[in-house]
N, C-alpha and C. Protein backbone atom coordinates (compact mmCIF):
# COMPACT_ATOMS: atom_id res chain seq x y z
N MET A 1 116.71 101.75 99.16
CA MET A 1 118.11 100.22 99.59
C MET A 1 116.95 99.50 99.73
N GLN A 2 117.57 98.06 99.89
CA GLN A 2 116.74 97.14 100.10
C GLN A 2 116.41 96.75 101.74
N THR A 3 115.93 95.91 102.10
CA THR A 3 116.18 95.59 103.34
C THR A 3 115.66 94.25 103.86
N ILE A 4 115.40 93.22 104.42
CA ILE A 4 114.92 91.81 104.13
C ILE A 4 113.38 91.69 104.96
N GLN A 5 113.16 92.97 105.18
CA GLN A 5 111.83 93.38 106.05
C GLN A 5 111.07 93.70 104.35
N ASN A 6 111.56 94.87 103.75
CA ASN A 6 111.19 95.05 102.14
C ASN A 6 110.87 94.03 101.26
N ILE A 7 112.37 92.41 101.07
CA ILE A 7 111.61 91.88 100.91
C ILE A 7 110.68 90.98 100.92
N ASN A 8 110.93 90.43 102.48
CA ASN A 8 110.03 89.93 102.68
C ASN A 8 107.92 89.72 102.60
N ASN A 9 108.04 91.27 103.00
CA ASN A 9 106.68 92.27 102.66
C ASN A 9 106.48 92.14 101.05
N THR A 10 107.92 92.01 99.68
CA THR A 10 107.01 91.79 98.59
C THR A 10 106.82 90.02 98.65
N ILE A 11 107.86 89.01 99.23
CA ILE A 11 107.13 88.02 98.79
C ILE A 11 105.57 87.22 99.12
N GLN A 12 105.36 87.93 100.07
CA GLN A 12 104.03 87.58 101.13
C GLN A 12 103.01 88.31 100.23
N ASN A 13 103.74 89.38 99.70
CA ASN A 13 101.77 89.89 99.18
C ASN A 13 102.05 90.29 97.58
N ASN A 14 102.86 89.20 96.45
CA ASN A 14 102.92 88.93 95.60
C ASN A 14 102.71 87.44 95.07
N LEU A 15 102.25 86.91 94.48
CA LEU A 15 101.41 85.46 93.66
C LEU A 15 102.90 85.25 93.18
N ALA A 16 104.43 86.15 92.85
CA ALA A 16 105.36 85.39 92.22
C ALA A 16 106.47 86.56 92.20
N VAL A 17 107.79 85.45 92.83
CA VAL A 17 108.94 87.31 92.80
C VAL A 17 110.25 85.97 92.80
N MET A 18 110.93 87.02 91.74
CA MET A 18 112.38 86.89 91.88
C MET A 18 112.78 87.67 92.80
N VAL A 19 114.15 87.07 93.27
CA VAL A 19 114.92 87.66 94.08
C VAL A 19 116.27 87.75 93.67
N TYR A 20 116.95 88.64 92.91
CA TYR A 20 118.12 88.45 91.74
C TYR A 20 119.75 88.96 92.42
N PHE A 21 120.28 88.11 93.57
CA PHE A 21 121.21 88.36 93.75
C PHE A 21 122.24 88.38 93.34
N SER A 22 123.34 89.58 93.11
CA SER A 22 124.76 90.27 92.49
C SER A 22 125.59 91.12 92.83
N ALA A 23 126.56 91.32 92.08
CA ALA A 23 127.60 92.46 92.92
C ALA A 23 127.52 92.77 91.78
N PRO A 24 128.09 93.82 91.33
CA PRO A 24 129.25 94.89 90.62
C PRO A 24 130.61 94.21 89.80
N THR A 25 131.16 93.62 90.69
CA THR A 25 132.13 92.74 90.24
C THR A 25 131.75 91.23 89.35
N CYS A 26 130.59 90.72 89.49
CA CYS A 26 130.58 89.77 88.65
C CYS A 26 129.90 90.17 87.16
N ASN A 27 130.50 89.69 86.26
CA ASN A 27 130.28 89.97 85.03
C ASN A 27 129.19 88.87 84.38
N VAL A 28 129.20 87.77 85.27
CA VAL A 28 127.92 86.81 84.63
C VAL A 28 126.96 87.33 85.34
N CYS A 29 126.89 87.61 85.82
CA CYS A 29 125.34 88.31 86.81
C CYS A 29 125.14 89.53 86.03
N HIS A 30 125.59 90.01 85.54
CA HIS A 30 125.59 91.30 84.49
C HIS A 30 125.11 90.62 83.23
N ALA A 31 125.49 89.83 82.66
CA ALA A 31 125.22 89.09 81.19
C ALA A 31 123.76 88.57 81.57
N LEU A 32 123.44 88.06 82.43
CA LEU A 32 122.39 86.91 83.25
C LEU A 32 120.87 88.13 83.21
N LYS A 33 121.43 88.50 83.80
CA LYS A 33 120.19 89.23 84.57
C LYS A 33 118.46 90.22 83.24
N PRO A 34 119.63 90.34 82.05
CA PRO A 34 118.58 91.38 81.65
C PRO A 34 117.88 90.19 80.73
N LYS A 35 118.70 89.20 80.49
CA LYS A 35 117.99 87.76 79.42
C LYS A 35 116.91 87.61 80.55
N LEU A 36 117.57 87.20 81.59
CA LEU A 36 116.27 86.39 82.62
C LEU A 36 114.86 87.67 83.09
N LEU A 37 115.71 89.19 83.33
CA LEU A 37 113.93 89.45 83.25
C LEU A 37 113.61 89.60 81.65
N GLU A 38 113.88 89.71 80.89
CA GLU A 38 112.96 89.90 79.12
C GLU A 38 112.16 88.23 79.21
N ALA A 39 113.03 87.32 80.09
CA ALA A 39 112.29 85.94 79.40
C ALA A 39 110.87 85.93 80.68
N LEU A 40 111.12 86.29 81.92
CA LEU A 40 109.87 86.26 82.76
C LEU A 40 108.97 86.98 82.00
N GLU A 41 109.54 88.71 81.88
CA GLU A 41 108.09 89.45 81.31
C GLU A 41 107.57 88.87 80.40
N GLN A 42 107.64 87.92 79.44
CA GLN A 42 108.03 87.69 78.33
C GLN A 42 106.73 86.80 78.70
N ASN A 43 106.73 85.62 79.40
CA ASN A 43 105.91 84.87 79.68
C ASN A 43 105.26 84.55 81.19
N PHE A 44 105.56 85.30 81.80
CA PHE A 44 105.15 85.48 83.14
C PHE A 44 104.24 86.86 83.62
N LYS A 45 103.31 87.57 83.38
CA LYS A 45 102.73 88.82 83.85
C LYS A 45 103.23 89.50 84.88
N GLU A 46 102.55 88.46 85.85
CA GLU A 46 102.57 88.87 87.54
C GLU A 46 103.89 88.48 88.62
N PHE A 47 104.87 88.57 87.69
CA PHE A 47 106.33 88.48 88.38
C PHE A 47 107.12 89.81 88.90
N ARG A 48 107.01 90.14 90.03
CA ARG A 48 107.96 90.78 91.04
C ARG A 48 109.18 90.61 91.02
N ILE A 49 109.97 91.52 90.68
CA ILE A 49 111.88 91.14 91.08
C ILE A 49 112.32 92.23 91.92
N GLU A 50 113.24 91.61 92.74
CA GLU A 50 113.58 92.64 93.34
C GLU A 50 115.22 92.11 93.51
N SER A 51 116.10 92.68 92.90
CA SER A 51 117.86 93.44 92.13
C SER A 51 118.47 93.07 93.84
N VAL A 52 119.33 92.22 94.20
CA VAL A 52 120.79 92.68 95.35
C VAL A 52 121.21 92.50 95.17
N ASP A 53 122.33 93.63 95.74
CA ASP A 53 123.32 94.30 95.68
C ASP A 53 124.36 93.70 96.59
N ILE A 54 125.04 92.48 96.20
CA ILE A 54 125.38 91.81 97.93
C ILE A 54 126.89 92.87 98.39
N SER A 55 127.05 93.24 97.93
CA SER A 55 128.38 94.53 98.21
C SER A 55 127.54 95.53 98.77
N VAL A 56 126.36 96.02 99.08
CA VAL A 56 125.92 97.59 99.53
C VAL A 56 125.20 96.66 100.83
N GLU A 57 124.02 95.48 100.40
CA GLU A 57 123.14 94.93 101.06
C GLU A 57 123.92 93.72 101.94
N GLU A 58 124.81 93.88 103.03
CA GLU A 58 125.64 92.32 103.16
C GLU A 58 124.92 91.66 103.83
N ASP A 59 124.05 92.22 104.57
CA ASP A 59 122.75 91.17 105.22
C ASP A 59 121.98 90.35 104.75
N ILE A 60 121.47 90.77 103.67
CA ILE A 60 120.54 89.53 102.93
C ILE A 60 120.73 88.62 102.22
N ALA A 61 121.74 88.51 101.61
CA ALA A 61 121.87 87.20 100.94
C ALA A 61 122.51 86.55 102.02
N PRO A 62 122.98 86.25 103.42
CA PRO A 62 122.97 85.44 104.36
C PRO A 62 121.68 84.70 105.21
N HIS A 63 121.22 85.71 104.98
CA HIS A 63 119.38 85.83 105.46
C HIS A 63 118.84 84.48 104.81
N PHE A 64 118.82 84.66 103.45
CA PHE A 64 118.59 83.76 102.56
C PHE A 64 119.07 82.95 102.53
N GLY A 65 119.92 82.36 103.31
CA GLY A 65 121.12 81.45 102.79
C GLY A 65 121.90 81.35 101.79
N VAL A 66 122.11 82.40 100.78
CA VAL A 66 122.43 82.50 99.30
C VAL A 66 124.64 83.29 99.59
N PHE A 67 124.97 82.04 99.18
CA PHE A 67 126.30 82.00 99.63
C PHE A 67 127.83 82.60 98.21
N SER A 68 126.98 82.52 97.05
CA SER A 68 127.17 82.64 95.67
C SER A 68 126.16 83.42 94.61
N ILE A 69 127.10 83.93 94.21
CA ILE A 69 126.83 85.28 92.64
C ILE A 69 126.22 84.87 90.91
N PRO A 70 125.54 84.48 90.45
CA PRO A 70 124.46 84.92 90.72
C PRO A 70 123.65 84.20 91.52
N THR A 71 122.64 84.34 91.98
CA THR A 71 121.63 82.97 92.88
C THR A 71 120.20 83.71 92.58
N VAL A 72 119.56 83.03 92.03
CA VAL A 72 118.27 83.08 91.67
C VAL A 72 117.02 82.78 92.52
N LEU A 73 116.25 83.34 93.59
CA LEU A 73 115.72 82.35 94.45
C LEU A 73 113.81 83.19 93.61
N ILE A 74 113.11 82.17 93.03
CA ILE A 74 112.22 82.05 92.78
C ILE A 74 110.84 81.58 94.04
N PHE A 75 110.35 82.66 94.12
CA PHE A 75 109.46 82.04 95.06
C PHE A 75 107.53 82.67 94.54
N LEU A 76 106.65 81.98 94.53
CA LEU A 76 105.70 81.11 94.32
C LEU A 76 104.57 81.10 95.31
N ASP A 77 103.62 82.27 95.50
CA ASP A 77 102.50 82.03 96.97
C ASP A 77 103.22 82.42 98.20
N GLY A 78 104.23 83.28 98.13
CA GLY A 78 104.99 83.25 99.54
C GLY A 78 105.49 81.85 100.05
N LYS A 79 106.30 81.07 99.25
CA LYS A 79 107.04 79.94 99.46
C LYS A 79 108.05 80.01 98.42
N GLU A 80 109.31 79.70 98.62
CA GLU A 80 110.03 79.80 97.76
C GLU A 80 110.17 78.22 97.07
N PHE A 81 109.98 78.49 95.75
CA PHE A 81 110.07 77.20 95.14
C PHE A 81 111.05 76.93 94.29
N LEU A 82 112.72 77.61 93.89
CA LEU A 82 113.14 77.42 92.86
C LEU A 82 114.64 78.51 93.79
N ARG A 83 115.25 77.39 93.64
CA ARG A 83 117.22 78.53 93.67
C ARG A 83 117.96 77.92 92.83
N LYS A 84 118.97 78.37 92.00
CA LYS A 84 119.22 78.41 91.18
C LYS A 84 120.65 79.30 91.52
N SER A 85 122.15 78.77 91.34
CA SER A 85 122.86 79.48 91.99
C SER A 85 124.29 79.00 90.86
N ARG A 86 125.06 80.24 90.71
CA ARG A 86 125.83 79.76 89.84
C ARG A 86 125.63 79.71 88.29
N HIS A 87 125.56 78.30 87.34
CA HIS A 87 125.65 78.08 86.22
C HIS A 87 123.93 77.68 86.08
N MET A 88 123.67 77.99 85.38
CA MET A 88 121.77 77.92 85.13
C MET A 88 122.06 79.13 83.73
N SER A 89 120.90 78.71 83.26
CA SER A 89 120.12 79.20 81.45
C SER A 89 118.60 79.91 81.77
N VAL A 90 118.66 80.97 81.35
CA VAL A 90 117.35 81.39 81.23
C VAL A 90 116.10 80.28 80.82
N HIS A 91 116.37 79.33 79.91
CA HIS A 91 115.78 78.47 79.36
C HIS A 91 115.16 77.75 80.73
N GLU A 92 115.68 77.20 81.53
CA GLU A 92 115.92 75.86 82.37
C GLU A 92 114.92 76.84 83.39
N VAL A 93 115.48 78.23 84.03
CA VAL A 93 114.84 78.62 84.70
C VAL A 93 113.28 78.40 84.22
N ILE A 94 112.97 79.46 83.40
CA ILE A 94 111.18 79.72 82.62
C ILE A 94 111.43 78.07 82.66
N ASN A 95 111.97 76.92 82.13
CA ASN A 95 110.93 75.78 81.65
C ASN A 95 110.25 75.51 83.48
N GLU A 96 111.39 75.82 84.96
CA GLU A 96 110.95 74.87 85.98
C GLU A 96 109.87 76.06 86.56
N ILE A 97 109.53 77.01 85.89
CA ILE A 97 108.27 78.02 86.89
C ILE A 97 107.70 77.81 86.09
N LYS A 98 107.04 77.88 84.43
CA LYS A 98 106.07 77.58 83.53
C LYS A 98 104.99 77.26 84.38
N ARG A 99 104.76 75.25 84.43
CA ARG A 99 104.18 74.82 84.95
C ARG A 99 103.61 75.07 86.39
N PRO A 100 103.93 75.29 87.48
CA PRO A 100 103.20 75.63 88.78
C PRO A 100 102.95 76.98 88.50
N TYR A 101 103.79 78.08 87.97
CA TYR A 101 102.58 79.75 86.99
C TYR A 101 101.61 79.32 87.00
N GLU A 102 101.36 78.43 85.65
CA GLU A 102 100.19 78.59 85.14
C GLU A 102 99.19 77.76 85.89
N ILE A 103 99.33 76.87 86.79
CA ILE A 103 98.61 76.09 87.66
C ILE A 103 97.79 77.56 88.52
N MET A 104 98.87 78.08 89.31
CA MET A 104 98.68 79.36 90.49
C MET A 104 97.59 80.37 89.90
N THR A 105 98.05 80.79 88.22
CA THR A 105 97.10 81.71 87.80
C THR A 105 96.23 81.47 86.77
N SER A 106 95.49 80.27 86.59
CA SER A 106 94.53 79.85 85.35
C SER A 106 93.22 79.54 86.48
């Protein structure tokens, strides 16, 4: 089970973290997630991924200011770097992460 503390620990203890907010009733969430995970694995070796089902862990989304799904939060070096909600493409997310990630890991 996810908790705010667990997610915060992951964010603080890893160079790059994606927190993916979704729900079982969200078809877009289910279509997007595998594509996004695959793209992250192919492009960024050190990414940690946390998935939050907002229908189960109801307190986590508001804590992070997430009020629509799917929402992706990207944290680099413990700080929120990118926030995308609803209409996003995998390509768009990867492109926005690529340069800062390469700078951090080089």
